[in-house]
Amino acid sequence: MKSQYRNLASALLLLTLSSGLALAGTISLRGTLQLSDGDANDTHAYTFAVTATATVVIQSYGYGGSSGAPGGKNLVGEVIPAGGFDPYLSLFAGTGPSATFIASNDDGPCPPATPVAGNCADSRLSLSLAAGNYTLVIAAFDNQSLAENSGSGVLGDGFVGLGNYDALRSGNYAVDISAGGIDEIFRQGFE
């Protein structure tokens, strides 16, 4: 009986590792925002847990692709093509509408981001986070949270609705979250 449970546990671990979504200390996200010239204000929110104080690095690759990253791939070994929108990342402490604003970023450094026409438009956050739950919101450039604009507030306050989108690019994004102690992730849809 114990060997059956051990085999089941091994199979579940193998399935988790092969999915590429979440490995201990590494989370890779890919998706598509519904963006258009007239409406570039879609957002996707992801929550994750940090089990002990850790430096957490959040890096997007959708705009310039992953060629500037170590080995030319994201943290789970995928090659990310260039061509996505200019991302804006916002991080909140907690989950749901009462999550409080911590930090945001529009354009990060190259490398690990890949420049396009001399611009490093992919976003990067690197900060020490205490144990707890956090919410990352991915939006298009200029669609900042109202909490950020006012200097304090919560996720439930919403976003400014000033998203900017280049129609020659796609709504695709790719984001890696890395640190020791990240152990779960799931998407929540906030509008």
C-alpha atoms as a PDB file:
ATOM      1  CA  MET A   1       0.000   0.000   0.000  1.00  0.00           C
ATOM      2  CA  LYS A   2       2.847   2.421   0.863  1.00  0.00           C
ATOM      3  CA  SER A   3       4.481   1.799  -2.517  1.00  0.00           C
ATOM      4  CA  GLN A   4       1.221   2.751  -4.297  1.00  0.00           C
ATOM      5  CA  TYR A   5       1.146   6.102  -2.453  1.00  0.00           C
ATOM      6  CA  ARG A   6       4.853   6.610  -3.136  1.00  0.00           C
ATOM      7  CA  ASN A   7       4.273   5.896  -6.854  1.00  0.00           C
ATOM      8  CA  LEU A   8       1.308   8.285  -6.907  1.00  0.00           C
ATOM      9  CA  ALA A   9       3.349  10.990  -5.155  1.00  0.00           C
ATOM     10  CA  SER A  10       6.224  10.469  -7.604  1.00  0.00           C
ATOM     11  CA  ALA A  11       3.860  10.702 -10.580  1.00  0.00           C
ATOM     12  CA  LEU A  12       2.318  13.942  -9.237  1.00  0.00           C
ATOM     13  CA  LEU A  13       5.769  15.446  -8.661  1.00  0.00           C
ATOM     14  CA  LEU A  14       6.847  14.507 -12.187  1.00  0.00           C
ATOM     15  CA  LEU A  15       3.647  16.017 -13.625  1.00  0.00           C
ATOM     16  CA  THR A  16       4.242  19.260 -11.685  1.00  0.00           C
ATOM     17  CA  LEU A  17       7.864  19.503 -12.810  1.00  0.00           C
ATOM     18  CA  SER A  18       7.065  18.769 -16.439  1.00  0.00           C
ATOM     19  CA  SER A  19       4.252  21.343 -16.614  1.00  0.00           C
ATOM     20  CA  GLY A  20       6.770  24.204 -16.407  1.00  0.00           C
ATOM     21  CA  LEU A  21       4.321  26.342 -14.426  1.00  0.00           C
ATOM     22  CA  ALA A  22       5.793  26.201 -10.952  1.00  0.00           C
ATOM     23  CA  LEU A  23       8.990  24.723  -9.587  1.00  0.00           C
ATOM     24  CA  ALA A  24      10.274  25.327  -6.074  1.00  0.00           C
ATOM     25  CA  GLY A  25      11.407  28.931  -6.136  1.00  0.00           C
ATOM     26  CA  THR A  26      10.450  29.500  -9.793  1.00  0.00           C
ATOM     27  CA  ILE A  27       7.160  30.502 -11.385  1.00  0.00           C
ATOM     28  CA  SER A  28       6.805  31.161 -15.119  1.00  0.00           C
ATOM     29  CA  LEU A  29       3.664  32.824 -16.415  1.00  0.00           C
ATOM     30  CA  ARG A  30       2.517  33.208 -20.001  1.00  0.00           C
ATOM     31  CA  GLY A  31      -0.718  34.634 -21.279  1.00  0.00           C
ATOM     32  CA  THR A  32      -2.445  37.172 -23.459  1.00  0.00           C
ATOM     33  CA  LEU A  33      -4.145  40.422 -22.513  1.00  0.00           C
ATOM     34  CA  GLN A  34      -7.092  41.549 -24.620  1.00  0.00           C
ATOM     35  CA  LEU A  35      -5.673  44.826 -25.934  1.00  0.00           C
ATOM     36  CA  SER A  36      -6.682  47.083 -28.815  1.00  0.00           C
ATOM     37  CA  ASP A  37      -6.074  50.663 -29.948  1.00  0.00           C
ATOM     38  CA  GLY A  38      -9.330  51.711 -28.314  1.00  0.00           C
ATOM     39  CA  ASP A  39      -8.976  49.667 -25.120  1.00  0.00           C
ATOM     40  CA  ALA A  40      -5.577  48.748 -23.670  1.00  0.00           C
ATOM     41  CA  ASN A  41      -6.749  48.329 -20.087  1.00  0.00           C
ATOM     42  CA  ASP A  42      -7.086  44.572 -19.592  1.00  0.00           C
ATOM     43  CA  THR A  43      -5.121  43.194 -16.615  1.00  0.00           C
ATOM     44  CA  HIS A  44      -4.210  39.746 -15.312  1.00  0.00           C
ATOM     45  CA  ALA A  45      -3.579  39.162 -11.617  1.00  0.00           C
ATOM     46  CA  TYR A  46      -1.601  36.271 -10.162  1.00  0.00           C
ATOM     47  CA  THR A  47      -1.175  35.432  -6.509  1.00  0.00           C
ATOM     48  CA  PHE A  48       1.759  33.629  -4.957  1.00  0.00           C
ATOM     49  CA  ALA A  49       2.958  32.757  -1.469  1.00  0.00           C
ATOM     50  CA  VAL A  50       6.407  33.369  -0.009  1.00  0.00           C
ATOM     51  CA  THR A  51       7.060  31.004   2.903  1.00  0.00           C
ATOM     52  CA  ALA A  52      10.088  32.843   4.381  1.00  0.00           C
ATOM     53  CA  THR A  53      11.674  36.261   3.879  1.00  0.00           C
ATOM     54  CA  ALA A  54      13.383  36.222   0.482  1.00  0.00           C
ATOM     55  CA  THR A  55      14.575  38.468  -2.310  1.00  0.00           C
ATOM     56  CA  VAL A  56      11.982  38.005  -5.031  1.00  0.00           C
ATOM     57  CA  VAL A  57      12.796  38.870  -8.642  1.00  0.00           C
ATOM     58  CA  ILE A  58       9.974  39.401 -11.144  1.00  0.00           C
ATOM     59  CA  GLN A  59      11.111  39.695 -14.778  1.00  0.00           C
ATOM     60  CA  SER A  60       9.011  40.038 -17.937  1.00  0.00           C
ATOM     61  CA  TYR A  61      10.172  38.805 -21.350  1.00  0.00           C
ATOM     62  CA  GLY A  62       7.155  39.329 -23.628  1.00  0.00           C
ATOM     63  CA  TYR A  63       8.246  42.599 -25.241  1.00  0.00           C
ATOM     64  CA  GLY A  64      11.844  41.807 -26.227  1.00  0.00           C
ATOM     65  CA  GLY A  65      11.799  38.029 -25.835  1.00  0.00           C
ATOM     66  CA  SER A  66      14.188  35.922 -23.783  1.00  0.00           C
ATOM     67  CA  SER A  67      17.302  36.111 -25.986  1.00  0.00           C
ATOM     68  CA  GLY A  68      18.983  38.473 -23.473  1.00  0.00           C
ATOM     69  CA  ALA A  69      18.306  36.109 -20.557  1.00  0.00           C
ATOM     70  CA  PRO A  70      20.900  33.577 -19.419  1.00  0.00           C
ATOM     71  CA  GLY A  71      20.907  30.797 -22.017  1.00  0.00           C
ATOM     72  CA  GLY A  72      18.350  32.717 -24.085  1.00  0.00           C
ATOM     73  CA  LYS A  73      15.443  31.126 -22.171  1.00  0.00           C
ATOM     74  CA  ASN A  74      13.123  31.862 -19.270  1.00  0.00           C
ATOM     75  CA  LEU A  75      13.566  30.110 -15.923  1.00  0.00           C
ATOM     76  CA  VAL A  76      11.774  26.936 -17.019  1.00  0.00           C
ATOM     77  CA  GLY A  77      13.790  26.604 -20.242  1.00  0.00           C
ATOM     78  CA  GLU A  78      11.345  28.071 -22.755  1.00  0.00           C
ATOM     79  CA  VAL A  79      12.412  30.417 -25.551  1.00  0.00           C
ATOM     80  CA  ILE A  80      10.122  33.446 -25.386  1.00  0.00           C
ATOM     81  CA  PRO A  81       9.650  35.243 -28.731  1.00  0.00           C
ATOM     82  CA  ALA A  82       9.685  39.033 -28.918  1.00  0.00           C
ATOM     83  CA  GLY A  83       6.623  40.939 -30.039  1.00  0.00           C
ATOM     84  CA  GLY A  84       4.374  41.343 -26.994  1.00  0.00           C
ATOM     85  CA  PHE A  85       3.080  44.622 -25.549  1.00  0.00           C
ATOM     86  CA  ASP A  86       5.039  47.033 -23.306  1.00  0.00           C
ATOM     87  CA  PRO A  87       4.235  45.595 -19.838  1.00  0.00           C
ATOM     88  CA  TYR A  88       3.632  47.387 -16.541  1.00  0.00           C
ATOM     89  CA  LEU A  89       4.021  45.253 -13.402  1.00  0.00           C
ATOM     90  CA  SER A  90       2.385  46.155 -10.066  1.00  0.00           C
ATOM     91  CA  LEU A  91       2.908  44.184  -6.849  1.00  0.00           C
ATOM     92  CA  PHE A  92       0.508  44.142  -3.897  1.00  0.00           C
ATOM     93  CA  ALA A  93       0.776  42.600  -0.407  1.00  0.00           C
ATOM     94  CA  GLY A  94      -2.134  40.247   0.208  1.00  0.00           C
ATOM     95  CA  THR A  95      -4.830  38.946  -2.096  1.00  0.00           C
ATOM     96  CA  GLY A  96      -8.152  40.184  -3.359  1.00  0.00           C
ATOM     97  CA  PRO A  97      -9.444  43.756  -3.376  1.00  0.00           C
ATOM     98  CA  SER A  98      -7.855  44.633   0.002  1.00  0.00           C
ATOM     99  CA  ALA A  99      -4.268  43.820  -1.137  1.00  0.00           C
ATOM    100  CA  THR A 100      -2.060  46.890  -0.544  1.00  0.00           C
ATOM    101  CA  PHE A 101       0.264  48.420  -3.131  1.00  0.00           C
ATOM    102  CA  ILE A 102       4.022  47.741  -2.672  1.00  0.00           C
ATOM    103  CA  ALA A 103       5.888  48.551  -5.892  1.00  0.00           C
ATOM    104  CA  SER A 104       5.680  48.743  -9.678  1.00  0.00           C
ATOM    105  CA  ASN A 105       7.938  48.880 -12.718  1.00  0.00           C
ATOM    106  CA  ASP A 106       7.607  49.846 -16.344  1.00  0.00           C
ATOM    107  CA  ASP A 107      11.038  49.393 -17.952  1.00  0.00           C
ATOM    108  CA  GLY A 108      13.805  47.262 -16.450  1.00  0.00           C
ATOM    109  CA  PRO A 109      17.474  46.720 -17.328  1.00  0.00           C
ATOM    110  CA  CYS A 110      18.927  45.005 -20.384  1.00  0.00           C
ATOM    111  CA  PRO A 111      20.080  42.269 -19.834  1.00  0.00           C
ATOM    112  CA  PRO A 112      18.285  40.158 -18.736  1.00  0.00           C
ATOM    113  CA  ALA A 113      15.620  41.889 -20.815  1.00  0.00           C
ATOM    114  CA  THR A 114      16.322  42.097 -24.536  1.00  0.00           C
ATOM    115  CA  PRO A 115      16.446  45.534 -26.187  1.00  0.00           C
ATOM    116  CA  VAL A 116      14.219  46.272 -29.173  1.00  0.00           C
ATOM    117  CA  ALA A 117      15.260  49.278 -31.274  1.00  0.00           C
ATOM    118  CA  GLY A 118      17.434  50.379 -28.348  1.00  0.00           C
ATOM    119  CA  ASN A 119      14.590  50.238 -25.780  1.00  0.00           C
ATOM    120  CA  CYS A 120      14.447  47.928 -22.759  1.00  0.00           C
ATOM    121  CA  ALA A 121      10.666  47.850 -22.376  1.00  0.00           C
ATOM    122  CA  ASP A 122      10.376  44.634 -20.340  1.00  0.00           C
ATOM    123  CA  SER A 123       9.725  45.155 -16.628  1.00  0.00           C
ATOM    124  CA  ARG A 124      11.687  44.013 -13.573  1.00  0.00           C
ATOM    125  CA  LEU A 125      11.084  44.145  -9.830  1.00  0.00           C
ATOM    126  CA  SER A 126      13.621  42.909  -7.280  1.00  0.00           C
ATOM    127  CA  LEU A 127      12.731  43.299  -3.618  1.00  0.00           C
ATOM    128  CA  SER A 128      12.845  41.614  -0.249  1.00  0.00           C
ATOM    129  CA  LEU A 129       9.455  40.187   0.701  1.00  0.00           C
ATOM    130  CA  ALA A 130       8.420  38.810   4.087  1.00  0.00           C
ATOM    131  CA  ALA A 131       6.535  35.536   4.344  1.00  0.00           C
ATOM    132  CA  GLY A 132       2.981  36.019   3.116  1.00  0.00           C
ATOM    133  CA  ASN A 133       0.683  36.179   0.119  1.00  0.00           C
ATOM    134  CA  TYR A 134       1.238  38.607  -2.757  1.00  0.00           C
ATOM    135  CA  THR A 135      -0.594  39.634  -5.913  1.00  0.00           C
ATOM    136  CA  LEU A 136       1.192  40.547  -9.146  1.00  0.00           C
ATOM    137  CA  VAL A 137      -0.818  42.483 -11.736  1.00  0.00           C
ATOM    138  CA  ILE A 138       0.307  42.535 -15.363  1.00  0.00           C
ATOM    139  CA  ALA A 139      -0.990  45.462 -17.407  1.00  0.00           C
ATOM    140  CA  ALA A 140      -0.038  47.476 -20.481  1.00  0.00           C
ATOM    141  CA  PHE A 141       2.192  50.543 -20.087  1.00  0.00           C
ATOM    142  CA  ASP A 142       0.432  53.528 -18.495  1.00  0.00           C
ATOM    143  CA  ASN A 143      -2.372  51.465 -16.942  1.00  0.00           C
ATOM    144  CA  GLN A 144      -1.128  52.064 -13.392  1.00  0.00           C
ATOM    145  CA  SER A 145      -3.027  51.215 -10.232  1.00  0.00           C
ATOM    146  CA  LEU A 146      -4.919  54.073  -8.633  1.00  0.00           C
ATOM    147  CA  ALA A 147      -3.201  53.098  -5.355  1.00  0.00           C
ATOM    148  CA  GLU A 148       0.170  53.859  -6.938  1.00  0.00           C
ATOM    149  CA  ASN A 149      -1.046  57.158  -8.358  1.00  0.00           C
ATOM    150  CA  SER A 150      -2.324  58.359  -4.975  1.00  0.00           C
ATOM    151  CA  GLY A 151       0.690  57.021  -3.028  1.00  0.00           C
ATOM    152  CA  SER A 152      -1.323  54.473  -1.055  1.00  0.00           C
ATOM    153  CA  GLY A 153      -4.343  52.284  -1.475  1.00  0.00           C
ATOM    154  CA  VAL A 154      -5.493  48.824  -2.383  1.00  0.00           C
ATOM    155  CA  LEU A 155      -5.942  46.650  -5.443  1.00  0.00           C
ATOM    156  CA  GLY A 156      -9.701  47.122  -5.257  1.00  0.00           C
ATOM    157  CA  ASP A 157      -9.245  50.832  -6.029  1.00  0.00           C
ATOM    158  CA  GLY A 158      -8.662  49.764  -9.647  1.00  0.00           C
ATOM    159  CA  PHE A 159      -6.431  51.079 -12.419  1.00  0.00           C
ATOM    160  CA  VAL A 160      -6.241  54.447 -14.182  1.00  0.00           C
ATOM    161  CA  GLY A 161      -7.505  53.095 -17.505  1.00  0.00           C
ATOM    162  CA  LEU A 162      -4.864  54.926 -19.565  1.00  0.00           C
ATOM    163  CA  GLY A 163      -3.267  51.837 -21.081  1.00  0.00           C
ATOM    164  CA  ASN A 164      -1.090  52.372 -24.128  1.00  0.00           C
ATOM    165  CA  TYR A 165      -0.846  49.706 -26.834  1.00  0.00           C
ATOM    166  CA  ASP A 166       1.105  49.496 -30.083  1.00  0.00           C
ATOM    167  CA  ALA A 167      -1.210  47.665 -32.508  1.00  0.00           C
ATOM    168  CA  LEU A 168       1.845  46.283 -34.355  1.00  0.00           C
ATOM    169  CA  ARG A 169       2.566  44.124 -31.277  1.00  0.00           C
ATOM    170  CA  SER A 170       0.550  41.297 -29.692  1.00  0.00           C
ATOM    171  CA  GLY A 171      -1.170  41.060 -26.320  1.00  0.00           C
ATOM    172  CA  ASN A 172       1.220  38.254 -25.283  1.00  0.00           C
ATOM    173  CA  TYR A 173       3.297  38.353 -22.109  1.00  0.00           C
ATOM    174  CA  ALA A 174       5.784  36.140 -20.293  1.00  0.00           C
ATOM    175  CA  VAL A 175       6.850  36.744 -16.686  1.00  0.00           C
ATOM    176  CA  ASP A 176       9.197  34.827 -14.364  1.00  0.00           C
ATOM    177  CA  ILE A 177       9.013  35.058 -10.579  1.00  0.00           C
ATOM    178  CA  SER A 178      11.991  33.614  -8.718  1.00  0.00           C
ATOM    179  CA  ALA A 179      13.121  33.265  -5.096  1.00  0.00           C
ATOM    180  CA  GLY A 180      13.503  30.689  -2.404  1.00  0.00           C
ATOM    181  CA  GLY A 181      10.240  30.074  -0.586  1.00  0.00           C
ATOM    182  CA  ILE A 182       7.681  30.629  -3.354  1.00  0.00           C
ATOM    183  CA  ASP A 183       5.423  27.638  -3.192  1.00  0.00           C
ATOM    184  CA  GLU A 184       2.149  28.252  -4.938  1.00  0.00           C
ATOM    185  CA  ILE A 185       0.540  30.292  -7.671  1.00  0.00           C
ATOM    186  CA  PHE A 186      -2.878  30.624  -9.200  1.00  0.00           C
ATOM    187  CA  ARG A 187      -4.517  33.175 -11.421  1.00  0.00           C
ATOM    188  CA  GLN A 188      -7.318  35.405 -10.228  1.00  0.00           C
ATOM    189  CA  GLY A 189      -9.206  37.668 -12.602  1.00  0.00           C
ATOM    190  CA  PHE A 190      -9.504  41.251 -11.418  1.00  0.00           C
ATOM    191  CA  GLU A 191     -10.909  43.877 -13.754  1.00  0.00           C
END
